[in-house]
Amino acid sequence: MSSIRATAQGVLIIEGVVKAAAGNGLPGEGVTTLLLDRGGVDVSITEGVVKTAAGNGGSGKEIMTLLLELRGNEVQITEEVVKAAAGNGRSGKEVMTLPLGRRRDEVQI
């Protein structure tokens, strides 16, 4: 199965592509921005995408900031996301402070 498929409306970008961008250490923020800008509402922000971004030691903080700013209503902070951030030795603390600062009442610890 292809990661990118043509549809009548344009191009459908599936979760695997978005997760790959969110997990990309250095240019991940730019690639994720491009996908969100070009794909618009057709790009789903799944738990897997958020978990991948939270565990990204290279640019996780930047990608989480981007996801929260552009698609905050779709970003779910689940137990798996918290575990991924906790395992992120480089920027896990910063990754977790972003949603806590913005939506403290929605995050259960």
Protein backbone atom coordinates (compact mmCIF):
# COMPACT_ATOMS: atom_id res chain seq x y z
CA MET A 1 0.00 0.00 0.00
CA SER A 2 1.34 3.39 -0.95
CA SER A 3 1.89 6.04 1.69
CA ILE A 4 0.52 8.77 -0.53
CA ARG A 5 -2.54 8.19 -2.70
CA ALA A 6 -4.27 10.40 -5.22
CA THR A 7 -7.92 11.20 -4.53
CA ALA A 8 -10.52 13.19 -6.41
CA GLN A 9 -9.73 16.20 -4.19
CA GLY A 10 -5.96 15.93 -4.46
CA VAL A 11 -3.52 13.85 -2.44
CA LEU A 12 -4.34 11.78 0.64
CA ILE A 13 -1.49 11.64 3.15
CA ILE A 14 -1.80 8.68 5.48
CA GLU A 15 -0.72 8.42 9.11
CA GLY A 16 2.58 6.69 8.35
CA VAL A 17 3.85 9.69 6.42
CA VAL A 18 2.82 12.14 9.15
CA LYS A 19 4.43 9.92 11.81
CA ALA A 20 7.65 9.77 9.77
CA ALA A 21 7.73 13.56 9.57
CA ALA A 22 6.96 13.96 13.29
CA GLY A 23 9.73 11.51 14.16
CA ASN A 24 12.35 13.09 11.93
CA GLY A 25 15.07 14.48 14.17
CA LEU A 26 16.40 17.51 12.35
CA PRO A 27 14.12 18.69 9.54
CA GLY A 28 11.01 17.22 11.17
CA GLU A 29 9.45 20.55 12.02
CA GLY A 30 9.76 21.82 8.45
CA VAL A 31 8.43 18.61 6.93
CA THR A 32 5.52 18.50 9.39
CA THR A 33 4.72 22.15 8.65
CA LEU A 34 4.70 21.40 4.94
CA LEU A 35 2.36 18.42 5.39
CA LEU A 36 -0.04 20.40 7.59
CA ASP A 37 0.00 23.41 5.26
CA ARG A 38 -0.47 21.42 2.07
CA GLY A 39 -2.69 18.67 3.45
CA GLY A 40 -4.88 20.86 5.60
CA VAL A 41 -7.72 19.16 7.42
CA ASP A 42 -7.08 15.95 5.47
CA VAL A 43 -3.98 15.34 7.60
CA SER A 44 -5.12 13.57 10.77
CA ILE A 45 -3.30 14.19 14.03
CA THR A 46 -3.62 10.74 15.60
CA GLU A 47 -2.35 9.48 18.93
CA GLY A 48 0.45 7.77 17.01
CA VAL A 49 1.55 11.06 15.46
CA VAL A 50 1.53 12.86 18.84
CA LYS A 51 3.34 9.96 20.52
CA THR A 52 6.00 9.98 17.79
CA ALA A 53 6.48 13.74 18.14
CA ALA A 54 6.69 13.49 21.95
CA GLY A 55 9.45 10.90 21.70
CA ASN A 56 11.44 12.81 19.10
CA GLY A 57 14.70 13.84 20.77
CA GLY A 58 15.84 16.03 17.90
CA SER A 59 12.88 18.31 17.28
CA GLY A 60 10.05 17.00 19.45
CA LYS A 61 9.56 20.29 21.29
CA GLU A 62 9.27 22.21 18.04
CA ILE A 63 6.92 19.68 16.46
CA MET A 64 4.69 19.52 19.54
CA THR A 65 4.55 23.33 19.58
CA LEU A 66 3.56 23.28 15.93
CA LEU A 67 0.87 20.62 16.45
CA LEU A 68 -0.57 22.45 19.46
CA GLU A 69 -0.59 25.81 17.69
CA LEU A 70 -2.03 24.62 14.39
CA ARG A 71 -4.18 21.67 15.44
CA GLY A 72 -4.44 21.86 19.22
CA ASN A 73 -8.02 20.61 19.28
CA GLU A 74 -6.86 17.34 17.68
CA VAL A 75 -3.87 16.75 19.96
CA GLN A 76 -4.78 14.20 22.61
CA ILE A 77 -2.38 13.81 25.51
CA THR A 78 -2.76 10.14 26.39
CA GLU A 79 -0.84 7.87 28.72
CA GLU A 80 1.17 6.62 25.74
CA VAL A 81 2.10 10.18 24.78
CA VAL A 82 3.25 10.90 28.34
CA LYS A 83 5.34 7.70 28.32
CA ALA A 84 6.94 8.70 25.02
CA ALA A 85 7.81 12.15 26.39
CA ALA A 86 9.19 10.60 29.58
CA GLY A 87 11.45 8.39 27.49
CA ASN A 88 12.72 11.35 25.50
CA GLY A 89 16.06 12.05 27.16
CA ARG A 90 16.78 15.20 25.20
CA SER A 91 13.60 17.25 25.28
CA GLY A 92 10.99 15.23 27.15
CA LYS A 93 10.60 17.78 29.92
CA GLU A 94 10.03 20.59 27.43
CA VAL A 95 7.65 18.43 25.39
CA MET A 96 5.48 17.79 28.44
CA THR A 97 5.46 21.38 29.66
CA LEU A 98 3.84 22.50 26.39
CA PRO A 99 0.46 20.78 26.81
CA LEU A 100 0.53 21.22 30.59
CA GLY A 101 0.92 24.95 30.15
CA ARG A 102 -1.83 25.18 27.56
CA ARG A 103 -4.38 22.62 28.71
CA ARG A 104 -3.51 21.61 32.26
CA ASP A 105 -7.13 20.72 33.07
CA GLU A 106 -7.24 18.11 30.27
CA VAL A 107 -4.04 16.26 31.19
CA GLN A 108 -4.48 13.51 33.76
CA ILE A 109 -1.36 12.29 35.52
